[in-house]
């Protein structure tokens, strides 16, 4: 029987032991394509706000910032009121200056490990974009508290020039790490990420000094890849990686970004498997 993400969360929160395990895993989700917001959505969701440029965009952004709050949920009516967290896309250096002047403090940046992909989608090379990041981080230097998320596309394969060498992938991720992004999100753009490539990236990024809490993943999922993505998420949580991009979609019938439904269904299973060990 199909259960909504809200129903799955309610089941997790209804048991004290499962709620403790949930907090231990501490999953944080970023909704990259939010279709609506409501006051009852979970406290662990960050919303990716679309490009903010016009006066209407700014008005809408600050309306959500000032009016939409979330509540931590838990057994015995445990609730804490908090400000909802939004990420805003940054287009370029001048756009960032405007956002900072408007007191916006959470930003989303994008790049790729494939030059053909970047030239096609951004009309810039990897080197040009890195130079842009240097300029933008100079602007943000006086504001160390600001949240800076970098999404890196094509961490396994590029639609235009095929598979990437995992050694090159790790080397580039480590190079972006020096910019001091708050979060580095690794995006499986083509949905073809293999277990060996995934494990190699995770192990060597952590080995060379990137803290697991700084890493996140954006998985593309289809009926054929459900099992391998499930294995990857389980392993990521075990390694201390607890941030994942999701979309507000329902059961996975075609290739798409990891859905709330799939994530919470898997999370419930992981927690259920751990409860007997917790009680021993």
C-alpha atoms as a PDB file:
ATOM      1  CA  UNK A   1       0.000   0.000   0.000  1.00  0.00           C
ATOM      2  CA  UNK A   2       1.369   3.439  -0.967  1.00  0.00           C
ATOM      3  CA  UNK A   3       2.232   5.732   1.941  1.00  0.00           C
ATOM      4  CA  UNK A   4       2.969   9.423   1.525  1.00  0.00           C
ATOM      5  CA  UNK A   5       6.253  10.839   2.927  1.00  0.00           C
ATOM      6  CA  UNK A   6       4.190  12.567   5.638  1.00  0.00           C
ATOM      7  CA  UNK A   7       2.669   9.220   6.705  1.00  0.00           C
ATOM      8  CA  UNK A   8       6.091   7.553   6.783  1.00  0.00           C
ATOM      9  CA  UNK A   9       7.532  10.382   8.892  1.00  0.00           C
ATOM     10  CA  UNK A  10       4.591  10.137  11.268  1.00  0.00           C
ATOM     11  CA  UNK A  11       5.282   6.422  11.760  1.00  0.00           C
ATOM     12  CA  UNK A  12       8.966   7.133  12.455  1.00  0.00           C
ATOM     13  CA  UNK A  13       8.163   9.923  14.934  1.00  0.00           C
ATOM     14  CA  UNK A  14       5.500   7.887  16.743  1.00  0.00           C
ATOM     15  CA  UNK A  15       8.075   5.543  18.296  1.00  0.00           C
ATOM     16  CA  UNK A  16      10.626   6.964  20.749  1.00  0.00           C
ATOM     17  CA  UNK A  17      13.363   4.537  19.660  1.00  0.00           C
ATOM     18  CA  UNK A  18      12.889   5.189  15.942  1.00  0.00           C
ATOM     19  CA  UNK A  19      12.768   8.944  16.629  1.00  0.00           C
ATOM     20  CA  UNK A  20      16.124   8.733  18.463  1.00  0.00           C
ATOM     21  CA  UNK A  21      17.628   6.777  15.537  1.00  0.00           C
ATOM     22  CA  UNK A  22      16.199   9.312  13.091  1.00  0.00           C
ATOM     23  CA  UNK A  23      17.892  12.169  14.961  1.00  0.00           C
ATOM     24  CA  UNK A  24      21.126  10.181  15.041  1.00  0.00           C
ATOM     25  CA  UNK A  25      21.076   9.837  11.237  1.00  0.00           C
ATOM     26  CA  UNK A  26      20.009  13.501  11.007  1.00  0.00           C
ATOM     27  CA  UNK A  27      18.968  13.520   7.330  1.00  0.00           C
ATOM     28  CA  UNK A  28      18.808  16.954   5.693  1.00  0.00           C
ATOM     29  CA  UNK A  29      17.046  17.216   2.340  1.00  0.00           C
ATOM     30  CA  UNK A  30      17.222  20.008  -0.228  1.00  0.00           C
ATOM     31  CA  UNK A  31      14.113  20.310  -2.374  1.00  0.00           C
ATOM     32  CA  UNK A  32      15.569  21.420  -5.709  1.00  0.00           C
ATOM     33  CA  UNK A  33      12.202  21.894  -7.434  1.00  0.00           C
ATOM     34  CA  UNK A  34       9.671  22.886  -4.762  1.00  0.00           C
ATOM     35  CA  UNK A  35       6.161  23.151  -6.182  1.00  0.00           C
ATOM     36  CA  UNK A  36       4.588  24.496  -3.001  1.00  0.00           C
ATOM     37  CA  UNK A  37       5.401  25.246   0.625  1.00  0.00           C
ATOM     38  CA  UNK A  38       3.361  24.496   3.682  1.00  0.00           C
ATOM     39  CA  UNK A  39       3.742  25.100   7.381  1.00  0.00           C
ATOM     40  CA  UNK A  40       3.623  21.388   8.191  1.00  0.00           C
ATOM     41  CA  UNK A  41       6.562  20.220   6.078  1.00  0.00           C
ATOM     42  CA  UNK A  42       9.443  18.662   8.056  1.00  0.00           C
ATOM     43  CA  UNK A  43      12.173  20.617   9.771  1.00  0.00           C
ATOM     44  CA  UNK A  44      14.932  18.900   7.831  1.00  0.00           C
ATOM     45  CA  UNK A  45      14.087  20.344   4.395  1.00  0.00           C
ATOM     46  CA  UNK A  46      16.016  23.159   2.730  1.00  0.00           C
ATOM     47  CA  UNK A  47      14.248  24.824  -0.199  1.00  0.00           C
ATOM     48  CA  UNK A  48      16.092  25.725  -3.374  1.00  0.00           C
ATOM     49  CA  UNK A  49      14.656  29.070  -4.407  1.00  0.00           C
ATOM     50  CA  UNK A  50      14.695  29.902  -8.151  1.00  0.00           C
ATOM     51  CA  UNK A  51      16.812  32.682  -9.603  1.00  0.00           C
ATOM     52  CA  UNK A  52      16.077  35.910  -7.720  1.00  0.00           C
ATOM     53  CA  UNK A  53      16.447  38.985  -9.969  1.00  0.00           C
ATOM     54  CA  UNK A  54      13.307  41.097 -10.270  1.00  0.00           C
ATOM     55  CA  UNK A  55      11.598  43.108  -7.544  1.00  0.00           C
ATOM     56  CA  UNK A  56       8.780  40.566  -7.569  1.00  0.00           C
ATOM     57  CA  UNK A  57      11.333  37.767  -6.955  1.00  0.00           C
ATOM     58  CA  UNK A  58      12.800  39.590  -3.970  1.00  0.00           C
ATOM     59  CA  UNK A  59       9.367  40.343  -2.529  1.00  0.00           C
ATOM     60  CA  UNK A  60       8.390  36.691  -2.861  1.00  0.00           C
ATOM     61  CA  UNK A  61      11.645  35.493  -1.300  1.00  0.00           C
ATOM     62  CA  UNK A  62      11.294  37.737   1.757  1.00  0.00           C
ATOM     63  CA  UNK A  63       7.625  36.824   2.090  1.00  0.00           C
ATOM     64  CA  UNK A  64       8.618  33.160   2.457  1.00  0.00           C
ATOM     65  CA  UNK A  65      11.549  34.015   4.734  1.00  0.00           C
ATOM     66  CA  UNK A  66       9.337  36.045   7.074  1.00  0.00           C
ATOM     67  CA  UNK A  67       6.143  33.991   7.048  1.00  0.00           C
ATOM     68  CA  UNK A  68       6.992  30.319   6.570  1.00  0.00           C
ATOM     69  CA  UNK A  69       8.287  28.600   9.665  1.00  0.00           C
ATOM     70  CA  UNK A  70       8.810  24.946  10.327  1.00  0.00           C
ATOM     71  CA  UNK A  71       8.394  22.855  13.441  1.00  0.00           C
ATOM     72  CA  UNK A  72      10.523  20.001  14.654  1.00  0.00           C
ATOM     73  CA  UNK A  73       8.230  17.048  15.142  1.00  0.00           C
ATOM     74  CA  UNK A  74       8.586  14.263  17.660  1.00  0.00           C
ATOM     75  CA  UNK A  75       6.959  12.096  20.312  1.00  0.00           C
ATOM     76  CA  UNK A  76       5.039  13.703  23.178  1.00  0.00           C
ATOM     77  CA  UNK A  77       4.273  16.806  21.150  1.00  0.00           C
ATOM     78  CA  UNK A  78       7.915  17.944  21.082  1.00  0.00           C
ATOM     79  CA  UNK A  79       8.101  21.031  18.819  1.00  0.00           C
ATOM     80  CA  UNK A  80      10.595  23.811  18.208  1.00  0.00           C
ATOM     81  CA  UNK A  81       9.798  26.765  15.988  1.00  0.00           C
ATOM     82  CA  UNK A  82      12.584  27.634  13.532  1.00  0.00           C
ATOM     83  CA  UNK A  83      13.184  29.793  10.483  1.00  0.00           C
ATOM     84  CA  UNK A  84      12.888  27.955   7.177  1.00  0.00           C
ATOM     85  CA  UNK A  85      16.104  27.767   5.168  1.00  0.00           C
ATOM     86  CA  UNK A  86      16.191  28.854   1.515  1.00  0.00           C
ATOM     87  CA  UNK A  87      19.015  28.655  -1.009  1.00  0.00           C
ATOM     88  CA  UNK A  88      19.146  31.178  -3.864  1.00  0.00           C
ATOM     89  CA  UNK A  89      20.856  30.568  -7.221  1.00  0.00           C
ATOM     90  CA  UNK A  90      23.771  32.877  -8.000  1.00  0.00           C
ATOM     91  CA  UNK A  91      24.130  33.862 -11.644  1.00  0.00           C
ATOM     92  CA  UNK A  92      27.372  35.844 -11.600  1.00  0.00           C
ATOM     93  CA  UNK A  93      29.515  38.280  -9.596  1.00  0.00           C
ATOM     94  CA  UNK A  94      27.195  41.295 -10.023  1.00  0.00           C
ATOM     95  CA  UNK A  95      24.147  39.224  -9.138  1.00  0.00           C
ATOM     96  CA  UNK A  96      25.881  38.053  -5.949  1.00  0.00           C
ATOM     97  CA  UNK A  97      26.643  41.663  -4.954  1.00  0.00           C
ATOM     98  CA  UNK A  98      22.958  42.494  -5.320  1.00  0.00           C
ATOM     99  CA  UNK A  99      21.891  39.470  -3.248  1.00  0.00           C
ATOM    100  CA  UNK A 100      24.344  40.331  -0.465  1.00  0.00           C
ATOM    101  CA  UNK A 101      23.110  43.947  -0.465  1.00  0.00           C
ATOM    102  CA  UNK A 102      19.557  42.598  -0.055  1.00  0.00           C
ATOM    103  CA  UNK A 103      20.670  40.703   3.092  1.00  0.00           C
ATOM    104  CA  UNK A 104      20.269  37.259   1.513  1.00  0.00           C
ATOM    105  CA  UNK A 105      22.751  34.883   3.140  1.00  0.00           C
ATOM    106  CA  UNK A 106      22.313  31.400   1.613  1.00  0.00           C
ATOM    107  CA  UNK A 107      23.575  30.789  -1.899  1.00  0.00           C
ATOM    108  CA  UNK A 108      23.632  28.021  -4.481  1.00  0.00           C
ATOM    109  CA  UNK A 109      26.464  27.808  -7.021  1.00  0.00           C
ATOM    110  CA  UNK A 110      26.818  25.382  -9.931  1.00  0.00           C
ATOM    111  CA  UNK A 111      29.640  23.881 -11.952  1.00  0.00           C
ATOM    112  CA  UNK A 112      30.507  20.666 -13.777  1.00  0.00           C
ATOM    113  CA  UNK A 113      33.477  18.344 -14.166  1.00  0.00           C
ATOM    114  CA  UNK A 114      32.903  18.333 -17.925  1.00  0.00           C
ATOM    115  CA  UNK A 115      33.992  21.226 -20.137  1.00  0.00           C
ATOM    116  CA  UNK A 116      31.570  20.299 -22.963  1.00  0.00           C
ATOM    117  CA  UNK A 117      28.688  20.225 -20.472  1.00  0.00           C
ATOM    118  CA  UNK A 118      29.583  23.653 -19.019  1.00  0.00           C
ATOM    119  CA  UNK A 119      30.126  25.232 -22.433  1.00  0.00           C
ATOM    120  CA  UNK A 120      26.722  23.921 -23.505  1.00  0.00           C
ATOM    121  CA  UNK A 121      24.817  24.924 -20.362  1.00  0.00           C
ATOM    122  CA  UNK A 122      26.733  27.953 -19.027  1.00  0.00           C
ATOM    123  CA  UNK A 123      28.834  29.076 -22.021  1.00  0.00           C
ATOM    124  CA  UNK A 124      31.920  29.006 -19.799  1.00  0.00           C
ATOM    125  CA  UNK A 125      34.817  26.604 -19.290  1.00  0.00           C
ATOM    126  CA  UNK A 126      35.752  24.995 -15.955  1.00  0.00           C
ATOM    127  CA  UNK A 127      38.746  27.338 -15.647  1.00  0.00           C
ATOM    128  CA  UNK A 128      36.626  30.441 -16.342  1.00  0.00           C
ATOM    129  CA  UNK A 129      34.078  29.414 -13.730  1.00  0.00           C
ATOM    130  CA  UNK A 130      36.807  28.799 -11.143  1.00  0.00           C
ATOM    131  CA  UNK A 131      38.072  32.340 -11.739  1.00  0.00           C
ATOM    132  CA  UNK A 132      34.499  33.569 -11.197  1.00  0.00           C
ATOM    133  CA  UNK A 133      34.342  31.671  -7.893  1.00  0.00           C
ATOM    134  CA  UNK A 134      37.557  33.362  -6.738  1.00  0.00           C
ATOM    135  CA  UNK A 135      36.011  36.783  -7.373  1.00  0.00           C
ATOM    136  CA  UNK A 136      32.731  35.844  -5.714  1.00  0.00           C
ATOM    137  CA  UNK A 137      34.422  34.409  -2.633  1.00  0.00           C
ATOM    138  CA  UNK A 138      36.357  37.666  -2.305  1.00  0.00           C
ATOM    139  CA  UNK A 139      32.941  39.397  -2.045  1.00  0.00           C
ATOM    140  CA  UNK A 140      31.810  36.885   0.608  1.00  0.00           C
ATOM    141  CA  UNK A 141      35.022  36.994   2.670  1.00  0.00           C
ATOM    142  CA  UNK A 142      33.606  39.483   5.241  1.00  0.00           C
ATOM    143  CA  UNK A 143      30.578  37.193   5.741  1.00  0.00           C
ATOM    144  CA  UNK A 144      31.880  33.798   6.977  1.00  0.00           C
ATOM    145  CA  UNK A 145      28.430  32.902   8.368  1.00  0.00           C
ATOM    146  CA  UNK A 146      26.836  32.781   4.892  1.00  0.00           C
ATOM    147  CA  UNK A 147      25.813  29.393   3.539  1.00  0.00           C
ATOM    148  CA  UNK A 148      27.473  28.485   0.231  1.00  0.00           C
ATOM    149  CA  UNK A 149      26.393  25.320  -1.563  1.00  0.00           C
ATOM    150  CA  UNK A 150      28.192  24.111  -4.690  1.00  0.00           C
ATOM    151  CA  UNK A 151      26.502  21.539  -6.930  1.00  0.00           C
ATOM    152  CA  UNK A 152      28.971  19.700  -9.187  1.00  0.00           C
ATOM    153  CA  UNK A 153      27.395  18.019 -12.218  1.00  0.00           C
ATOM    154  CA  UNK A 154      28.769  15.024 -14.136  1.00  0.00           C
ATOM    155  CA  UNK A 155      30.631  13.320 -11.262  1.00  0.00           C
ATOM    156  CA  UNK A 156      30.435  10.042 -13.145  1.00  0.00           C
ATOM    157  CA  UNK A 157      29.516  10.651 -16.780  1.00  0.00           C
ATOM    158  CA  UNK A 158      28.882  13.559 -19.131  1.00  0.00           C
ATOM    159  CA  UNK A 159      26.040  13.368 -21.676  1.00  0.00           C
ATOM    160  CA  UNK A 160      28.430  14.782 -24.289  1.00  0.00           C
ATOM    161  CA  UNK A 161      31.795  13.066 -23.723  1.00  0.00           C
ATOM    162  CA  UNK A 162      31.092   9.913 -21.726  1.00  0.00           C
ATOM    163  CA  UNK A 163      32.547   8.453 -18.531  1.00  0.00           C
ATOM    164  CA  UNK A 164      34.998  10.425 -16.380  1.00  0.00           C
ATOM    165  CA  UNK A 165      38.103   9.034 -14.686  1.00  0.00           C
ATOM    166  CA  UNK A 166      37.358   8.735 -10.930  1.00  0.00           C
ATOM    167  CA  UNK A 167      40.906   9.931 -10.099  1.00  0.00           C
ATOM    168  CA  UNK A 168      40.211  13.143 -12.035  1.00  0.00           C
ATOM    169  CA  UNK A 169      36.795  13.459 -10.339  1.00  0.00           C
ATOM    170  CA  UNK A 170      38.268  13.266  -6.823  1.00  0.00           C
ATOM    171  CA  UNK A 171      41.095  15.658  -7.715  1.00  0.00           C
ATOM    172  CA  UNK A 172      38.604  18.266  -8.973  1.00  0.00           C
ATOM    173  CA  UNK A 173      36.315  17.890  -5.953  1.00  0.00           C
ATOM    174  CA  UNK A 174      39.322  18.469  -3.670  1.00  0.00           C
ATOM    175  CA  UNK A 175      40.222  21.556  -5.698  1.00  0.00           C
ATOM    176  CA  UNK A 176      36.731  23.006  -5.124  1.00  0.00           C
ATOM    177  CA  UNK A 177      37.053  22.117  -1.443  1.00  0.00           C
ATOM    178  CA  UNK A 178      39.760  24.791  -1.075  1.00  0.00           C
ATOM    179  CA  UNK A 179      37.177  27.507  -1.830  1.00  0.00           C
ATOM    180  CA  UNK A 180      35.587  26.717   1.534  1.00  0.00           C
ATOM    181  CA  UNK A 181      32.063  25.969   0.311  1.00  0.00           C
ATOM    182  CA  UNK A 182      29.753  25.076   3.184  1.00  0.00           C
ATOM    183  CA  UNK A 183      28.392  22.121   1.191  1.00  0.00           C
ATOM    184  CA  UNK A 184      29.595  20.284  -1.912  1.00  0.00           C
ATOM    185  CA  UNK A 185      26.814  18.384  -3.678  1.00  0.00           C
ATOM    186  CA  UNK A 186      27.868  15.666  -6.121  1.00  0.00           C
ATOM    187  CA  UNK A 187      25.336  15.233  -8.911  1.00  0.00           C
ATOM    188  CA  UNK A 188      24.921  12.004 -10.890  1.00  0.00           C
ATOM    189  CA  UNK A 189      23.714  13.895 -13.963  1.00  0.00           C
ATOM    190  CA  UNK A 190      23.121  10.892 -16.229  1.00  0.00           C
ATOM    191  CA  UNK A 191      21.863   8.466 -13.581  1.00  0.00           C
ATOM    192  CA  UNK A 192      24.655   6.011 -14.409  1.00  0.00           C
ATOM    193  CA  UNK A 193      26.771   6.223 -11.249  1.00  0.00           C
ATOM    194  CA  UNK A 194      28.244   2.792 -10.496  1.00  0.00           C
ATOM    195  CA  UNK A 195      28.843   1.436  -7.014  1.00  0.00           C
ATOM    196  CA  UNK A 196      32.640   1.252  -7.513  1.00  0.00           C
ATOM    197  CA  UNK A 197      32.843   4.851  -8.745  1.00  0.00           C
ATOM    198  CA  UNK A 198      30.603   6.081  -5.897  1.00  0.00           C
ATOM    199  CA  UNK A 199      32.564   4.234  -3.201  1.00  0.00           C
ATOM    200  CA  UNK A 200      35.884   5.476  -4.610  1.00  0.00           C
ATOM    201  CA  UNK A 201      34.696   9.105  -4.569  1.00  0.00           C
ATOM    202  CA  UNK A 202      33.314   8.911  -1.026  1.00  0.00           C
ATOM    203  CA  UNK A 203      36.309   7.128   0.490  1.00  0.00           C
ATOM    204  CA  UNK A 204      38.990   9.302  -1.095  1.00  0.00           C
ATOM    205  CA  UNK A 205      37.195  12.619  -0.545  1.00  0.00           C
ATOM    206  CA  UNK A 206      36.937  11.791   3.161  1.00  0.00           C
ATOM    207  CA  UNK A 207      40.498  10.378   3.263  1.00  0.00           C
ATOM    208  CA  UNK A 208      41.907  13.615   1.815  1.00  0.00           C
ATOM    209  CA  UNK A 209      40.175  15.819   4.343  1.00  0.00           C
ATOM    210  CA  UNK A 210      36.605  16.650   3.300  1.00  0.00           C
ATOM    211  CA  UNK A 211      34.382  16.144   6.338  1.00  0.00           C
ATOM    212  CA  UNK A 212      31.402  13.858   5.539  1.00  0.00           C
ATOM    213  CA  UNK A 213      28.952  16.492   6.811  1.00  0.00           C
ATOM    214  CA  UNK A 214      30.170  18.795   4.036  1.00  0.00           C
ATOM    215  CA  UNK A 215      29.298  16.340   1.250  1.00  0.00           C
ATOM    216  CA  UNK A 216      25.876  15.736  -0.253  1.00  0.00           C
ATOM    217  CA  UNK A 217      24.498  13.809  -3.218  1.00  0.00           C
ATOM    218  CA  UNK A 218      21.945  14.331  -5.945  1.00  0.00           C
ATOM    219  CA  UNK A 219      20.927  10.960  -7.387  1.00  0.00           C
ATOM    220  CA  UNK A 220      18.978  10.340 -10.573  1.00  0.00           C
ATOM    221  CA  UNK A 221      16.782   7.316 -10.035  1.00  0.00           C
ATOM    222  CA  UNK A 222      14.785   4.964 -12.243  1.00  0.00           C
ATOM    223  CA  UNK A 223      13.171   1.538 -11.684  1.00  0.00           C
ATOM    224  CA  UNK A 224      16.409  -0.047 -12.938  1.00  0.00           C
ATOM    225  CA  UNK A 225      18.657   1.858 -10.505  1.00  0.00           C
ATOM    226  CA  UNK A 226      16.506   1.789  -7.361  1.00  0.00           C
ATOM    227  CA  UNK A 227      18.505  -1.006  -5.729  1.00  0.00           C
ATOM    228  CA  UNK A 228      21.937   0.539  -6.339  1.00  0.00           C
ATOM    229  CA  UNK A 229      20.778   4.014  -5.212  1.00  0.00           C
ATOM    230  CA  UNK A 230      19.325   2.452  -2.072  1.00  0.00           C
ATOM    231  CA  UNK A 231      22.722   0.833  -1.382  1.00  0.00           C
ATOM    232  CA  UNK A 232      24.517   4.147  -1.974  1.00  0.00           C
ATOM    233  CA  UNK A 233      22.244   6.139   0.357  1.00  0.00           C
ATOM    234  CA  UNK A 234      22.571   3.502   3.092  1.00  0.00           C
ATOM    235  CA  UNK A 235      26.370   3.591   2.761  1.00  0.00           C
ATOM    236  CA  UNK A 236      26.447   7.408   2.677  1.00  0.00           C
ATOM    237  CA  UNK A 237      24.456   7.625   5.930  1.00  0.00           C
ATOM    238  CA  UNK A 238      26.788   5.062   7.497  1.00  0.00           C
ATOM    239  CA  UNK A 239      29.786   7.210   6.490  1.00  0.00           C
ATOM    240  CA  UNK A 240      28.241  10.353   8.013  1.00  0.00           C
ATOM    241  CA  UNK A 241      26.950  11.899   4.774  1.00  0.00           C
ATOM    242  CA  UNK A 242      23.411  13.001   5.627  1.00  0.00           C
ATOM    243  CA  UNK A 243      22.467  15.609   3.010  1.00  0.00           C
ATOM    244  CA  UNK A 244      20.573  14.669  -0.165  1.00  0.00           C
ATOM    245  CA  UNK A 245      18.819  16.572  -2.928  1.00  0.00           C
ATOM    246  CA  UNK A 246      15.218  15.526  -3.523  1.00  0.00           C
ATOM    247  CA  UNK A 247      12.286  16.572  -5.669  1.00  0.00           C
ATOM    248  CA  UNK A 248       8.637  16.837  -4.730  1.00  0.00           C
ATOM    249  CA  UNK A 249       7.693  13.818  -6.820  1.00  0.00           C
ATOM    250  CA  UNK A 250       5.965  10.523  -6.132  1.00  0.00           C
ATOM    251  CA  UNK A 251       6.888   6.849  -6.746  1.00  0.00           C
ATOM    252  CA  UNK A 252       9.709   6.591  -9.247  1.00  0.00           C
ATOM    253  CA  UNK A 253       8.334   5.448 -12.595  1.00  0.00           C
ATOM    254  CA  UNK A 254      10.963   7.112 -14.785  1.00  0.00           C
ATOM    255  CA  UNK A 255      14.431   8.598 -14.385  1.00  0.00           C
ATOM    256  CA  UNK A 256      14.204  11.602 -12.065  1.00  0.00           C
ATOM    257  CA  UNK A 257      15.819  13.178  -9.036  1.00  0.00           C
ATOM    258  CA  UNK A 258      15.504  11.146  -5.846  1.00  0.00           C
ATOM    259  CA  UNK A 259      11.997  11.667  -4.472  1.00  0.00           C
ATOM    260  CA  UNK A 260      10.802  12.352  -0.935  1.00  0.00           C
ATOM    261  CA  UNK A 261       8.803   9.137  -1.151  1.00  0.00           C
ATOM    262  CA  UNK A 262      11.765   6.922  -2.043  1.00  0.00           C
ATOM    263  CA  UNK A 263      14.022   8.534   0.564  1.00  0.00           C
ATOM    264  CA  UNK A 264      11.601   8.240   3.481  1.00  0.00           C
ATOM    265  CA  UNK A 265      10.619   4.713   2.465  1.00  0.00           C
ATOM    266  CA  UNK A 266      14.304   3.724   2.594  1.00  0.00           C
ATOM    267  CA  UNK A 267      14.900   5.659   5.813  1.00  0.00           C
ATOM    268  CA  UNK A 268      12.052   3.824   7.535  1.00  0.00           C
ATOM    269  CA  UNK A 269      13.601   0.500   6.485  1.00  0.00           C
ATOM    270  CA  UNK A 270      17.085   1.512   7.728  1.00  0.00           C
ATOM    271  CA  UNK A 271      15.659   2.588  11.090  1.00  0.00           C
ATOM    272  CA  UNK A 272      13.503  -0.549  11.399  1.00  0.00           C
ATOM    273  CA  UNK A 273      16.582  -2.713  10.789  1.00  0.00           C
ATOM    274  CA  UNK A 274      18.493  -0.867  13.536  1.00  0.00           C
ATOM    275  CA  UNK A 275      15.796  -0.998  16.241  1.00  0.00           C
ATOM    276  CA  UNK A 276      16.487  -4.647  17.312  1.00  0.00           C
ATOM    277  CA  UNK A 277      20.200  -3.791  17.768  1.00  0.00           C
ATOM    278  CA  UNK A 278      19.240  -0.691  19.766  1.00  0.00           C
ATOM    279  CA  UNK A 279      17.086  -2.780  22.101  1.00  0.00           C
ATOM    280  CA  UNK A 280      19.692  -5.517  22.699  1.00  0.00           C
END
